[in-house]
Amino acid sequence: MPFAVRPLREADIPQVKAVEKQAFSTLFPPTSFRRELGNRAARYWIVEKHGETEKPRPARPPKGIVRRILRSARGLSQQGTPNSIVGFLGTWYAADQAHIVSVGVADGYRRRGIGELLLIAAVEHAISRETETITLEVRKSNTAARALYEKYGFIEQGIRKGYYSDNREDAVIMTTGSIQMERYAAQVAALKLAHQERWGQAEIDVGT
């Protein structure tokens, strides 16, 4: 798996904004990632892909419409689409609870274990901070995400009616039990191993 998880840096912001735009095209206002980097209660992680080589440039500079198309493509690449960063997750901390506020994966990289990789990083970080529980909201229709969270010990606790502004869809509130229990840490370790066996080993740097 040519992917690695690490904390968000300021230089990553253009690419992360591009991923967010793909994942949440109707989100308004978009996340102020620069402000979030300065928020002591917030932690964001990104997944970046490794090991891809740049294609050689043509020997002669293209002209006319071809040059305009290539210039546009280079501009998109600089903005992060296509992207070396292919996913992100944000968590806010308050008292003894971690709240996962956003998870986004770029087009073409979904269903490849990236969202779960980010979740593993967020859970490991919350455990290391001696946080008691983790909570989140998820679209009621997003059965795949709900199944993933259930696998990591999240239990449905209630509904937020009309939570999502784009279509007024309800959100399901999901919360873990205590993540400081030894059996929960063992559960996460087993799930992490199963993820590695399916998708390949990935570097995970949860930061501090």
N, C-alpha and C. Protein backbone atom coordinates (compact mmCIF):
# COMPACT_ATOMS: atom_id res chain seq x y z
N MET A 1 0.85 -1.19 0.00
CA MET A 1 0.00 0.00 0.00
C MET A 1 0.88 1.24 0.00
N PRO A 2 0.96 1.96 -1.08
CA PRO A 2 1.88 3.10 -1.16
C PRO A 2 1.29 4.36 -0.52
N PHE A 3 0.81 4.24 0.72
CA PHE A 3 0.19 5.36 1.40
C PHE A 3 0.79 5.53 2.78
N ALA A 4 0.74 6.74 3.30
CA ALA A 4 1.21 7.03 4.65
C ALA A 4 0.30 8.08 5.26
N VAL A 5 0.11 7.98 6.58
CA VAL A 5 -0.69 8.95 7.33
C VAL A 5 0.26 9.80 8.16
N ARG A 6 0.01 11.10 8.18
CA ARG A 6 0.78 12.01 9.02
C ARG A 6 -0.08 13.23 9.34
N PRO A 7 0.35 14.04 10.32
CA PRO A 7 -0.41 15.25 10.64
C PRO A 7 -0.40 16.25 9.48
N LEU A 8 -1.47 17.02 9.39
CA LEU A 8 -1.59 18.07 8.39
C LEU A 8 -0.55 19.17 8.64
N ARG A 9 0.04 19.67 7.54
CA ARG A 9 0.95 20.80 7.60
C ARG A 9 0.40 21.94 6.75
N GLU A 10 0.90 23.13 6.98
CA GLU A 10 0.39 24.29 6.25
C GLU A 10 0.58 24.13 4.74
N ALA A 11 1.70 23.56 4.33
CA ALA A 11 1.97 23.38 2.91
C ALA A 11 0.98 22.44 2.24
N ASP A 12 0.28 21.61 3.03
CA ASP A 12 -0.69 20.65 2.49
C ASP A 12 -2.04 21.29 2.16
N ILE A 13 -2.29 22.48 2.64
CA ILE A 13 -3.64 23.05 2.61
C ILE A 13 -4.23 23.10 1.20
N PRO A 14 -3.51 23.56 0.15
CA PRO A 14 -4.15 23.59 -1.18
C PRO A 14 -4.64 22.22 -1.63
N GLN A 15 -3.85 21.17 -1.37
CA GLN A 15 -4.27 19.83 -1.79
C GLN A 15 -5.44 19.32 -0.95
N VAL A 16 -5.41 19.59 0.36
CA VAL A 16 -6.50 19.13 1.21
C VAL A 16 -7.79 19.84 0.85
N LYS A 17 -7.72 21.11 0.50
CA LYS A 17 -8.91 21.83 0.06
C LYS A 17 -9.49 21.20 -1.20
N ALA A 18 -8.62 20.75 -2.10
CA ALA A 18 -9.08 20.09 -3.32
C ALA A 18 -9.78 18.77 -3.01
N VAL A 19 -9.23 18.01 -2.07
CA VAL A 19 -9.88 16.76 -1.67
C VAL A 19 -11.25 17.05 -1.05
N GLU A 20 -11.30 18.05 -0.18
CA GLU A 20 -12.58 18.40 0.45
C GLU A 20 -13.62 18.81 -0.60
N LYS A 21 -13.19 19.55 -1.61
CA LYS A 21 -14.13 19.97 -2.66
C LYS A 21 -14.68 18.78 -3.41
N GLN A 22 -13.84 17.76 -3.65
CA GLN A 22 -14.31 16.54 -4.31
C GLN A 22 -15.27 15.77 -3.42
N ALA A 23 -14.91 15.64 -2.14
CA ALA A 23 -15.68 14.81 -1.23
C ALA A 23 -16.98 15.48 -0.79
N PHE A 24 -16.95 16.81 -0.68
CA PHE A 24 -18.12 17.56 -0.18
C PHE A 24 -18.37 18.75 -1.09
N SER A 25 -18.85 18.48 -2.28
CA SER A 25 -18.98 19.52 -3.30
C SER A 25 -19.96 20.62 -2.90
N THR A 26 -20.91 20.32 -2.01
CA THR A 26 -21.90 21.32 -1.61
C THR A 26 -21.58 21.98 -0.28
N LEU A 27 -20.44 21.64 0.32
CA LEU A 27 -20.10 22.19 1.63
C LEU A 27 -19.87 23.69 1.55
N PHE A 28 -20.57 24.44 2.40
CA PHE A 28 -20.36 25.89 2.46
C PHE A 28 -20.63 26.36 3.89
N PRO A 29 -19.71 27.16 4.44
CA PRO A 29 -18.41 27.51 3.86
C PRO A 29 -17.44 26.33 3.97
N PRO A 30 -16.41 26.31 3.12
CA PRO A 30 -15.42 25.23 3.23
C PRO A 30 -14.63 25.37 4.53
N THR A 31 -13.99 24.29 4.92
CA THR A 31 -13.20 24.30 6.14
C THR A 31 -12.03 25.26 6.02
N SER A 32 -11.79 26.05 7.05
CA SER A 32 -10.61 26.91 7.10
C SER A 32 -9.47 26.09 7.72
N PHE A 33 -8.76 25.36 6.88
CA PHE A 33 -7.72 24.48 7.41
C PHE A 33 -6.59 25.28 8.07
N ARG A 34 -6.33 26.48 7.57
CA ARG A 34 -5.28 27.30 8.21
C ARG A 34 -5.69 27.66 9.64
N ARG A 35 -6.96 28.01 9.82
CA ARG A 35 -7.43 28.31 11.17
C ARG A 35 -7.40 27.06 12.05
N GLU A 36 -7.76 25.92 11.47
CA GLU A 36 -7.75 24.68 12.24
C GLU A 36 -6.35 24.30 12.70
N LEU A 37 -5.34 24.61 11.88
CA LEU A 37 -3.96 24.33 12.29
C LEU A 37 -3.59 25.13 13.54
N GLY A 38 -4.20 26.30 13.70
CA GLY A 38 -3.93 27.11 14.88
C GLY A 38 -4.83 26.83 16.05
N ASN A 39 -5.75 25.90 15.88
CA ASN A 39 -6.70 25.55 16.94
C ASN A 39 -6.09 24.46 17.80
N ARG A 40 -5.80 24.76 19.05
CA ARG A 40 -5.12 23.81 19.93
C ARG A 40 -5.99 22.60 20.25
N ALA A 41 -7.29 22.73 20.05
CA ALA A 41 -8.20 21.61 20.32
C ALA A 41 -8.42 20.72 19.10
N ALA A 42 -7.85 21.08 17.97
CA ALA A 42 -8.08 20.34 16.73
C ALA A 42 -6.82 19.59 16.29
N ARG A 43 -7.03 18.43 15.68
CA ARG A 43 -5.95 17.67 15.06
C ARG A 43 -6.46 17.16 13.72
N TYR A 44 -5.64 17.34 12.69
CA TYR A 44 -5.98 16.84 11.36
C TYR A 44 -4.86 15.96 10.85
N TRP A 45 -5.26 14.90 10.16
CA TRP A 45 -4.30 13.99 9.53
C TRP A 45 -4.61 13.89 8.05
N ILE A 46 -3.57 13.59 7.28
CA ILE A 46 -3.75 13.40 5.84
C ILE A 46 -3.16 12.05 5.45
N VAL A 47 -3.66 11.51 4.34
CA VAL A 47 -3.05 10.33 3.71
C VAL A 47 -2.41 10.79 2.42
N GLU A 48 -1.15 10.48 2.25
CA GLU A 48 -0.47 10.82 1.00
C GLU A 48 0.00 9.54 0.32
N LYS A 49 0.00 9.58 -1.00
CA LYS A 49 0.46 8.41 -1.75
C LYS A 49 1.94 8.57 -2.06
N HIS A 50 2.64 7.45 -2.11
CA HIS A 50 4.08 7.42 -2.31
C HIS A 50 4.41 6.60 -3.55
N GLY A 51 5.64 6.79 -4.03
CA GLY A 51 6.20 5.87 -5.00
C GLY A 51 5.78 6.07 -6.43
N GLU A 52 5.13 7.21 -6.75
CA GLU A 52 4.75 7.45 -8.13
C GLU A 52 5.76 8.38 -8.77
N THR A 53 6.14 8.10 -9.98
CA THR A 53 7.14 8.91 -10.67
C THR A 53 6.47 9.88 -11.61
N GLU A 54 7.10 11.02 -11.81
CA GLU A 54 6.57 12.05 -12.69
C GLU A 54 6.81 11.68 -14.15
N LYS A 55 5.84 11.90 -14.99
CA LYS A 55 6.00 11.60 -16.41
C LYS A 55 6.94 12.62 -17.05
N PRO A 56 7.79 12.18 -17.99
CA PRO A 56 8.71 13.13 -18.63
C PRO A 56 7.96 14.16 -19.45
N ARG A 57 8.50 15.37 -19.51
CA ARG A 57 7.90 16.42 -20.31
C ARG A 57 8.27 16.24 -21.77
N PRO A 58 7.43 16.70 -22.69
CA PRO A 58 7.75 16.59 -24.12
C PRO A 58 8.99 17.40 -24.46
N ALA A 59 9.76 16.92 -25.46
CA ALA A 59 11.00 17.58 -25.84
C ALA A 59 10.75 18.99 -26.36
N ARG A 60 9.68 19.19 -27.15
CA ARG A 60 9.36 20.51 -27.68
C ARG A 60 8.14 21.08 -26.97
N PRO A 61 8.16 22.36 -26.65
CA PRO A 61 6.99 22.93 -25.98
C PRO A 61 5.77 22.90 -26.88
N PRO A 62 4.63 22.41 -26.39
CA PRO A 62 3.43 22.36 -27.22
C PRO A 62 2.91 23.75 -27.52
N LYS A 63 2.10 23.83 -28.56
CA LYS A 63 1.58 25.12 -28.99
C LYS A 63 0.06 25.11 -28.96
N GLY A 64 -0.50 26.31 -29.01
CA GLY A 64 -1.93 26.48 -29.19
C GLY A 64 -2.76 25.84 -28.09
N ILE A 65 -3.81 25.15 -28.50
CA ILE A 65 -4.77 24.58 -27.56
C ILE A 65 -4.15 23.50 -26.70
N VAL A 66 -3.18 22.74 -27.26
CA VAL A 66 -2.51 21.69 -26.48
C VAL A 66 -1.76 22.32 -25.31
N ARG A 67 -1.07 23.44 -25.55
CA ARG A 67 -0.35 24.10 -24.47
C ARG A 67 -1.31 24.59 -23.39
N ARG A 68 -2.47 25.13 -23.80
CA ARG A 68 -3.45 25.61 -22.83
C ARG A 68 -3.99 24.47 -21.99
N ILE A 69 -4.24 23.30 -22.62
CA ILE A 69 -4.75 22.15 -21.88
C ILE A 69 -3.72 21.67 -20.87
N LEU A 70 -2.45 21.56 -21.29
CA LEU A 70 -1.40 21.10 -20.39
C LEU A 70 -1.16 22.10 -19.26
N ARG A 71 -1.24 23.40 -19.57
CA ARG A 71 -1.07 24.41 -18.54
C ARG A 71 -2.18 24.29 -17.51
N SER A 72 -3.39 24.05 -17.97
CA SER A 72 -4.52 23.88 -17.06
C SER A 72 -4.32 22.66 -16.18
N ALA A 73 -3.85 21.56 -16.78
CA ALA A 73 -3.61 20.33 -16.01
C ALA A 73 -2.54 20.54 -14.95
N ARG A 74 -1.47 21.29 -15.31
CA ARG A 74 -0.43 21.56 -14.32
C ARG A 74 -0.96 22.40 -13.19
N GLY A 75 -1.83 23.35 -13.52
CA GLY A 75 -2.44 24.18 -12.49
C GLY A 75 -3.26 23.36 -11.52
N LEU A 76 -4.02 22.41 -12.05
CA LEU A 76 -4.81 21.53 -11.18
C LEU A 76 -3.91 20.71 -10.28
N SER A 77 -2.80 20.23 -10.85
CA SER A 77 -1.87 19.44 -10.05
C SER A 77 -1.31 20.25 -8.90
N GLN A 78 -0.99 21.55 -9.16
CA GLN A 78 -0.46 22.40 -8.12
C GLN A 78 -1.50 22.65 -7.04
N GLN A 79 -2.79 22.66 -7.43
CA GLN A 79 -3.85 22.87 -6.46
C GLN A 79 -4.19 21.59 -5.71
N GLY A 80 -3.73 20.45 -6.21
CA GLY A 80 -3.95 19.21 -5.49
C GLY A 80 -4.86 18.23 -6.17
N THR A 81 -5.18 18.41 -7.47
CA THR A 81 -6.04 17.46 -8.18
C THR A 81 -5.49 17.28 -9.60
N PRO A 82 -4.84 16.17 -9.99
CA PRO A 82 -4.60 15.03 -9.11
C PRO A 82 -3.57 15.38 -8.04
N ASN A 83 -3.39 14.56 -7.10
CA ASN A 83 -2.97 14.93 -5.80
C ASN A 83 -2.05 13.89 -5.20
N SER A 84 -1.05 14.32 -4.45
CA SER A 84 -0.32 13.34 -3.65
C SER A 84 -1.03 13.09 -2.33
N ILE A 85 -1.88 14.03 -1.93
CA ILE A 85 -2.72 13.85 -0.74
C ILE A 85 -4.09 13.38 -1.19
N VAL A 86 -4.53 12.24 -0.66
CA VAL A 86 -5.76 11.62 -1.18
C VAL A 86 -6.83 11.45 -0.11
N GLY A 87 -6.58 11.94 1.09
CA GLY A 87 -7.60 11.85 2.13
C GLY A 87 -7.20 12.66 3.35
N PHE A 88 -8.21 13.00 4.16
CA PHE A 88 -7.94 13.73 5.40
C PHE A 88 -9.01 13.40 6.43
N LEU A 89 -8.67 13.62 7.69
CA LEU A 89 -9.61 13.45 8.79
C LEU A 89 -9.30 14.50 9.83
N GLY A 90 -10.37 15.09 10.39
CA GLY A 90 -10.21 16.09 11.44
C GLY A 90 -10.91 15.68 12.72
N THR A 91 -10.27 15.95 13.85
CA THR A 91 -10.82 15.66 15.17
C THR A 91 -10.72 16.89 16.05
N TRP A 92 -11.77 17.15 16.81
CA TRP A 92 -11.74 18.17 17.86
C TRP A 92 -11.76 17.48 19.21
N TYR A 93 -11.00 18.02 20.15
CA TYR A 93 -10.97 17.49 21.51
C TYR A 93 -11.64 18.45 22.48
N ALA A 94 -12.47 17.92 23.35
CA ALA A 94 -13.10 18.71 24.40
C ALA A 94 -13.26 17.83 25.63
N ALA A 95 -12.73 18.32 26.77
CA ALA A 95 -12.78 17.55 28.01
C ALA A 95 -12.21 16.15 27.75
N ASP A 96 -12.98 15.09 28.01
CA ASP A 96 -12.46 13.74 27.84
C ASP A 96 -13.04 13.06 26.60
N GLN A 97 -13.47 13.87 25.62
CA GLN A 97 -14.07 13.31 24.41
C GLN A 97 -13.38 13.83 23.16
N ALA A 98 -13.21 12.94 22.18
CA ALA A 98 -12.75 13.32 20.84
C ALA A 98 -13.94 13.29 19.90
N HIS A 99 -14.05 14.29 19.06
CA HIS A 99 -15.18 14.38 18.12
C HIS A 99 -14.61 14.42 16.70
N ILE A 100 -14.84 13.36 15.94
CA ILE A 100 -14.41 13.34 14.54
C ILE A 100 -15.36 14.23 13.74
N VAL A 101 -14.83 15.31 13.18
CA VAL A 101 -15.69 16.32 12.55
C VAL A 101 -15.75 16.19 11.04
N SER A 102 -14.74 15.56 10.43
CA SER A 102 -14.74 15.48 8.97
C SER A 102 -13.80 14.38 8.50
N VAL A 103 -14.25 13.63 7.50
CA VAL A 103 -13.42 12.62 6.84
C VAL A 103 -13.68 12.75 5.34
N GLY A 104 -12.62 12.93 4.56
CA GLY A 104 -12.79 13.06 3.11
C GLY A 104 -11.74 12.26 2.36
N VAL A 105 -12.16 11.61 1.29
CA VAL A 105 -11.24 10.83 0.44
C VAL A 105 -11.45 11.28 -1.00
N ALA A 106 -10.36 11.43 -1.73
CA ALA A 106 -10.40 11.94 -3.10
C ALA A 106 -11.08 10.95 -4.05
N ASP A 107 -11.64 11.50 -5.13
CA ASP A 107 -12.20 10.67 -6.19
C ASP A 107 -11.15 9.68 -6.68
N GLY A 108 -11.56 8.45 -6.92
CA GLY A 108 -10.66 7.43 -7.43
C GLY A 108 -9.90 6.68 -6.36
N TYR A 109 -10.03 7.12 -5.08
CA TYR A 109 -9.29 6.46 -4.00
C TYR A 109 -10.22 5.92 -2.92
N ARG A 110 -11.52 5.95 -3.18
CA ARG A 110 -12.45 5.40 -2.20
C ARG A 110 -12.52 3.88 -2.34
N ARG A 111 -12.95 3.24 -1.27
CA ARG A 111 -13.02 1.77 -1.21
C ARG A 111 -11.63 1.13 -1.38
N ARG A 112 -10.61 1.83 -0.90
CA ARG A 112 -9.26 1.29 -0.94
C ARG A 112 -8.63 1.29 0.45
N GLY A 113 -9.47 1.39 1.48
CA GLY A 113 -8.98 1.32 2.86
C GLY A 113 -8.44 2.60 3.41
N ILE A 114 -8.57 3.71 2.67
CA ILE A 114 -7.98 4.97 3.10
C ILE A 114 -8.76 5.59 4.26
N GLY A 115 -10.09 5.56 4.17
CA GLY A 115 -10.88 6.08 5.27
C GLY A 115 -10.61 5.32 6.56
N GLU A 116 -10.48 3.99 6.46
CA GLU A 116 -10.18 3.19 7.65
C GLU A 116 -8.80 3.50 8.19
N LEU A 117 -7.84 3.74 7.30
CA LEU A 117 -6.48 4.09 7.73
C LEU A 117 -6.50 5.39 8.54
N LEU A 118 -7.27 6.36 8.08
CA LEU A 118 -7.40 7.62 8.81
C LEU A 118 -8.07 7.40 10.16
N LEU A 119 -9.09 6.55 10.17
CA LEU A 119 -9.78 6.26 11.42
C LEU A 119 -8.84 5.61 12.43
N ILE A 120 -8.00 4.71 11.97
CA ILE A 120 -7.02 4.07 12.86
C ILE A 120 -6.12 5.13 13.49
N ALA A 121 -5.64 6.07 12.67
CA ALA A 121 -4.76 7.13 13.19
C ALA A 121 -5.49 7.96 14.24
N ALA A 122 -6.75 8.33 13.96
CA ALA A 122 -7.51 9.15 14.89
C ALA A 122 -7.76 8.41 16.20
N VAL A 123 -8.08 7.13 16.11
CA VAL A 123 -8.34 6.34 17.31
C VAL A 123 -7.06 6.18 18.13
N GLU A 124 -5.95 5.89 17.46
CA GLU A 124 -4.68 5.72 18.18
C GLU A 124 -4.28 7.02 18.88
N HIS A 125 -4.49 8.14 18.20
CA HIS A 125 -4.14 9.42 18.82
C HIS A 125 -5.02 9.69 20.03
N ALA A 126 -6.33 9.42 19.90
CA ALA A 126 -7.25 9.64 21.02
C ALA A 126 -6.88 8.77 22.21
N ILE A 127 -6.49 7.53 21.94
CA ILE A 127 -6.06 6.63 23.02
C ILE A 127 -4.82 7.20 23.70
N SER A 128 -3.86 7.69 22.91
CA SER A 128 -2.61 8.20 23.47
C SER A 128 -2.83 9.45 24.32
N ARG A 129 -3.90 10.21 24.02
CA ARG A 129 -4.22 11.40 24.80
C ARG A 129 -5.07 11.08 26.03
N GLU A 130 -5.31 9.80 26.25
CA GLU A 130 -6.12 9.33 27.37
C GLU A 130 -7.54 9.88 27.31
N THR A 131 -8.03 10.05 26.09
CA THR A 131 -9.42 10.44 25.88
C THR A 131 -10.33 9.26 26.23
N GLU A 132 -11.49 9.54 26.76
CA GLU A 132 -12.37 8.48 27.22
C GLU A 132 -13.23 7.90 26.09
N THR A 133 -13.81 8.77 25.26
CA THR A 133 -14.70 8.31 24.19
C THR A 133 -14.45 9.11 22.92
N ILE A 134 -14.94 8.56 21.80
CA ILE A 134 -14.91 9.25 20.51
C ILE A 134 -16.34 9.28 19.98
N THR A 135 -16.73 10.42 19.41
CA THR A 135 -18.06 10.54 18.84
C THR A 135 -17.98 11.15 17.45
N LEU A 136 -19.05 10.99 16.68
CA LEU A 136 -19.11 11.54 15.33
C LEU A 136 -20.56 11.55 14.85
N GLU A 137 -20.79 12.24 13.75
CA GLU A 137 -22.06 12.17 13.03
C GLU A 137 -21.81 11.61 11.64
N VAL A 138 -22.75 10.82 11.14
CA VAL A 138 -22.62 10.23 9.81
C VAL A 138 -23.99 10.24 9.14
N ARG A 139 -24.00 10.43 7.83
CA ARG A 139 -25.27 10.43 7.12
C ARG A 139 -26.02 9.11 7.35
N LYS A 140 -27.32 9.24 7.54
CA LYS A 140 -28.13 8.05 7.77
C LYS A 140 -28.04 7.08 6.59
N SER A 141 -27.89 7.62 5.37
CA SER A 141 -27.84 6.78 4.17
C SER A 141 -26.48 6.15 3.93
N ASN A 142 -25.45 6.57 4.65
CA ASN A 142 -24.09 6.09 4.41
C ASN A 142 -23.85 4.79 5.18
N THR A 143 -24.43 3.73 4.67
CA THR A 143 -24.37 2.45 5.37
C THR A 143 -22.95 1.89 5.45
N ALA A 144 -22.13 2.16 4.42
CA ALA A 144 -20.76 1.64 4.44
C ALA A 144 -19.96 2.29 5.57
N ALA A 145 -20.08 3.60 5.72
CA ALA A 145 -19.36 4.29 6.80
C ALA A 145 -19.87 3.85 8.15
N ARG A 146 -21.18 3.69 8.29
CA ARG A 146 -21.74 3.26 9.57
C ARG A 146 -21.23 1.87 9.95
N ALA A 147 -21.11 0.99 8.96
CA ALA A 147 -20.58 -0.35 9.23
C ALA A 147 -19.12 -0.29 9.67
N LEU A 148 -18.34 0.60 9.04
CA LEU A 148 -16.94 0.75 9.43
C LEU A 148 -16.84 1.24 10.87
N TYR A 149 -17.62 2.24 11.22
CA TYR A 149 -17.56 2.77 12.58
C TYR A 149 -18.02 1.73 13.61
N GLU A 150 -19.03 0.97 13.26
CA GLU A 150 -19.48 -0.09 14.17
C GLU A 150 -18.37 -1.10 14.43
N LYS A 151 -17.59 -1.38 13.38
CA LYS A 151 -16.47 -2.33 13.53
C LYS A 151 -15.46 -1.84 14.56
N TYR A 152 -15.33 -0.50 14.67
CA TYR A 152 -14.40 0.09 15.62
C TYR A 152 -15.07 0.49 16.94
N GLY A 153 -16.22 -0.11 17.21
CA GLY A 153 -16.83 0.04 18.52
C GLY A 153 -17.76 1.23 18.67
N PHE A 154 -18.09 1.92 17.58
CA PHE A 154 -19.05 3.03 17.67
C PHE A 154 -20.47 2.46 17.72
N ILE A 155 -21.27 3.01 18.58
CA ILE A 155 -22.66 2.58 18.75
C ILE A 155 -23.58 3.74 18.43
N GLU A 156 -24.67 3.47 17.73
CA GLU A 156 -25.64 4.52 17.41
C GLU A 156 -26.33 4.98 18.68
N GLN A 157 -26.28 6.32 18.90
CA GLN A 157 -26.82 6.88 20.14
C GLN A 157 -28.02 7.80 19.91
N GLY A 158 -28.27 8.19 18.67
CA GLY A 158 -29.38 9.10 18.42
C GLY A 158 -29.34 9.65 17.01
N ILE A 159 -30.24 10.57 16.73
CA ILE A 159 -30.39 11.17 15.40
C ILE A 159 -30.38 12.69 15.53
N ARG A 160 -29.67 13.36 14.61
CA ARG A 160 -29.78 14.81 14.46
C ARG A 160 -30.62 15.06 13.22
N LYS A 161 -31.84 15.52 13.40
CA LYS A 161 -32.77 15.72 12.30
C LYS A 161 -32.30 16.85 11.38
N GLY A 162 -32.33 16.58 10.07
CA GLY A 162 -32.00 17.60 9.07
C GLY A 162 -30.61 18.19 9.23
N TYR A 163 -29.66 17.39 9.67
CA TYR A 163 -28.33 17.87 10.03
C TYR A 163 -27.54 18.40 8.83
N TYR A 164 -27.70 17.75 7.68
CA TYR A 164 -26.89 18.11 6.51
C TYR A 164 -27.61 19.16 5.67
N SER A 165 -26.91 20.27 5.43
CA SER A 165 -27.56 21.43 4.82
C SER A 165 -27.87 21.24 3.34
N ASP A 166 -27.17 20.32 2.65
CA ASP A 166 -27.39 20.19 1.21
C ASP A 166 -28.73 19.56 0.88
N ASN A 167 -29.16 18.57 1.68
CA ASN A 167 -30.43 17.89 1.39
C ASN A 167 -31.28 17.63 2.63
N ARG A 168 -30.87 18.25 3.77
CA ARG A 168 -31.59 18.11 5.04
C ARG A 168 -31.67 16.66 5.51
N GLU A 169 -30.69 15.86 5.12
CA GLU A 169 -30.66 14.48 5.58
C GLU A 169 -30.32 14.41 7.07
N ASP A 170 -30.88 13.41 7.73
CA ASP A 170 -30.58 13.20 9.14
C ASP A 170 -29.17 12.66 9.31
N ALA A 171 -28.57 12.96 10.46
CA ALA A 171 -27.28 12.39 10.85
C ALA A 171 -27.49 11.40 11.99
N VAL A 172 -26.77 10.30 11.92
CA VAL A 172 -26.75 9.34 13.02
C VAL A 172 -25.58 9.69 13.94
N ILE A 173 -25.86 9.84 15.21
CA ILE A 173 -24.81 10.10 16.20
C ILE A 173 -24.26 8.75 16.64
N MET A 174 -22.93 8.60 16.55
CA MET A 174 -22.30 7.35 16.95
C MET A 174 -21.17 7.66 17.93
N THR A 175 -21.10 6.87 19.00
CA THR A 175 -20.12 7.08 20.07
C THR A 175 -19.55 5.74 20.52
N THR A 176 -18.28 5.76 20.87
CA THR A 176 -17.66 4.56 21.42
C THR A 176 -17.95 4.46 22.91
N GLY A 177 -17.70 3.29 23.47
CA GLY A 177 -17.56 3.18 24.92
C GLY A 177 -16.17 3.68 25.28
N SER A 178 -15.69 3.33 26.44
CA SER A 178 -14.36 3.78 26.86
C SER A 178 -13.29 3.17 25.96
N ILE A 179 -12.47 4.04 25.37
CA ILE A 179 -11.39 3.57 24.51
C ILE A 179 -10.12 3.29 25.31
N GLN A 180 -10.19 3.51 26.63
CA GLN A 180 -9.04 3.25 27.48
C GLN A 180 -9.04 1.82 28.03
N MET A 181 -10.09 1.08 27.73
CA MET A 181 -10.15 -0.31 28.19
C MET A 181 -9.16 -1.15 27.40
N GLU A 182 -8.52 -2.08 28.08
CA GLU A 182 -7.51 -2.93 27.44
C GLU A 182 -8.11 -3.72 26.27
N ARG A 183 -9.34 -4.16 26.44
CA ARG A 183 -9.94 -4.96 25.37
C ARG A 183 -10.20 -4.11 24.12
N TYR A 184 -10.44 -2.80 24.31
CA TYR A 184 -10.65 -1.95 23.13
C TYR A 184 -9.33 -1.77 22.38
N ALA A 185 -8.26 -1.53 23.09
CA ALA A 185 -6.94 -1.40 22.45
C ALA A 185 -6.59 -2.68 21.69
N ALA A 186 -6.92 -3.83 22.26
CA ALA A 186 -6.66 -5.11 21.59
C ALA A 186 -7.51 -5.25 20.34
N GLN A 187 -8.75 -4.78 20.41
CA GLN A 187 -9.65 -4.82 19.25
C GLN A 187 -9.09 -3.97 18.11
N VAL A 188 -8.63 -2.76 18.43
CA VAL A 188 -8.06 -1.87 17.41
C VAL A 188 -6.79 -2.46 16.82
N ALA A 189 -5.95 -3.06 17.66
CA ALA A 189 -4.71 -3.68 17.17
C ALA A 189 -5.02 -4.81 16.20
N ALA A 190 -6.05 -5.60 16.49
CA ALA A 190 -6.43 -6.71 15.60
C ALA A 190 -6.99 -6.17 14.29
N LEU A 191 -7.79 -5.11 14.36
CA LEU A 191 -8.35 -4.51 13.14
C LEU A 191 -7.26 -3.86 12.29
N LYS A 192 -6.29 -3.26 12.94
CA LYS A 192 -5.17 -2.66 12.22
C LYS A 192 -4.38 -3.74 11.47
N LEU A 193 -4.15 -4.87 12.13
CA LEU A 193 -3.44 -5.98 11.49
C LEU A 193 -4.24 -6.51 10.30
N ALA A 194 -5.55 -6.64 10.46
CA ALA A 194 -6.40 -7.12 9.36
C ALA A 194 -6.37 -6.14 8.19
N HIS A 195 -6.34 -4.83 8.50
CA HIS A 195 -6.24 -3.82 7.44
C HIS A 195 -4.93 -3.96 6.69
N GLN A 196 -3.83 -4.17 7.41
CA GLN A 196 -2.53 -4.33 6.77
C GLN A 196 -2.50 -5.56 5.89
N GLU A 197 -3.11 -6.65 6.36
CA GLU A 197 -3.11 -7.88 5.58
C GLU A 197 -3.90 -7.71 4.28
N ARG A 198 -4.94 -6.90 4.32
CA ARG A 198 -5.74 -6.71 3.11
C ARG A 198 -5.15 -5.68 2.17
N TRP A 199 -4.67 -4.55 2.73
CA TRP A 199 -4.29 -3.42 1.89
C TRP A 199 -2.79 -3.17 1.85
N GLY A 200 -2.02 -3.85 2.69
CA GLY A 200 -0.59 -3.62 2.75
C GLY A 200 -0.25 -2.70 3.90
N GLN A 201 0.99 -2.80 4.36
CA GLN A 201 1.41 -1.99 5.51
C GLN A 201 1.58 -0.55 5.10
N ALA A 202 1.12 0.36 5.95
CA ALA A 202 1.22 1.80 5.71
C ALA A 202 1.86 2.46 6.93
N GLU A 203 2.64 3.48 6.69
CA GLU A 203 3.21 4.25 7.78
C GLU A 203 2.12 5.11 8.42
N ILE A 204 2.07 5.12 9.75
CA ILE A 204 1.11 5.95 10.46
C ILE A 204 1.85 6.77 11.51
N ASP A 205 1.86 8.08 11.31
CA ASP A 205 2.45 9.02 12.26
C ASP A 205 1.31 9.85 12.82
N VAL A 206 0.92 9.56 14.06
CA VAL A 206 -0.24 10.27 14.62
C VAL A 206 0.14 11.63 15.20
N GLY A 207 1.43 11.90 15.33
CA GLY A 207 1.85 13.18 15.90
C GLY A 207 1.63 13.22 17.40
N THR A 208 1.56 14.46 17.93
CA THR A 208 1.41 14.63 19.38
C THR A 208 0.11 15.34 19.69
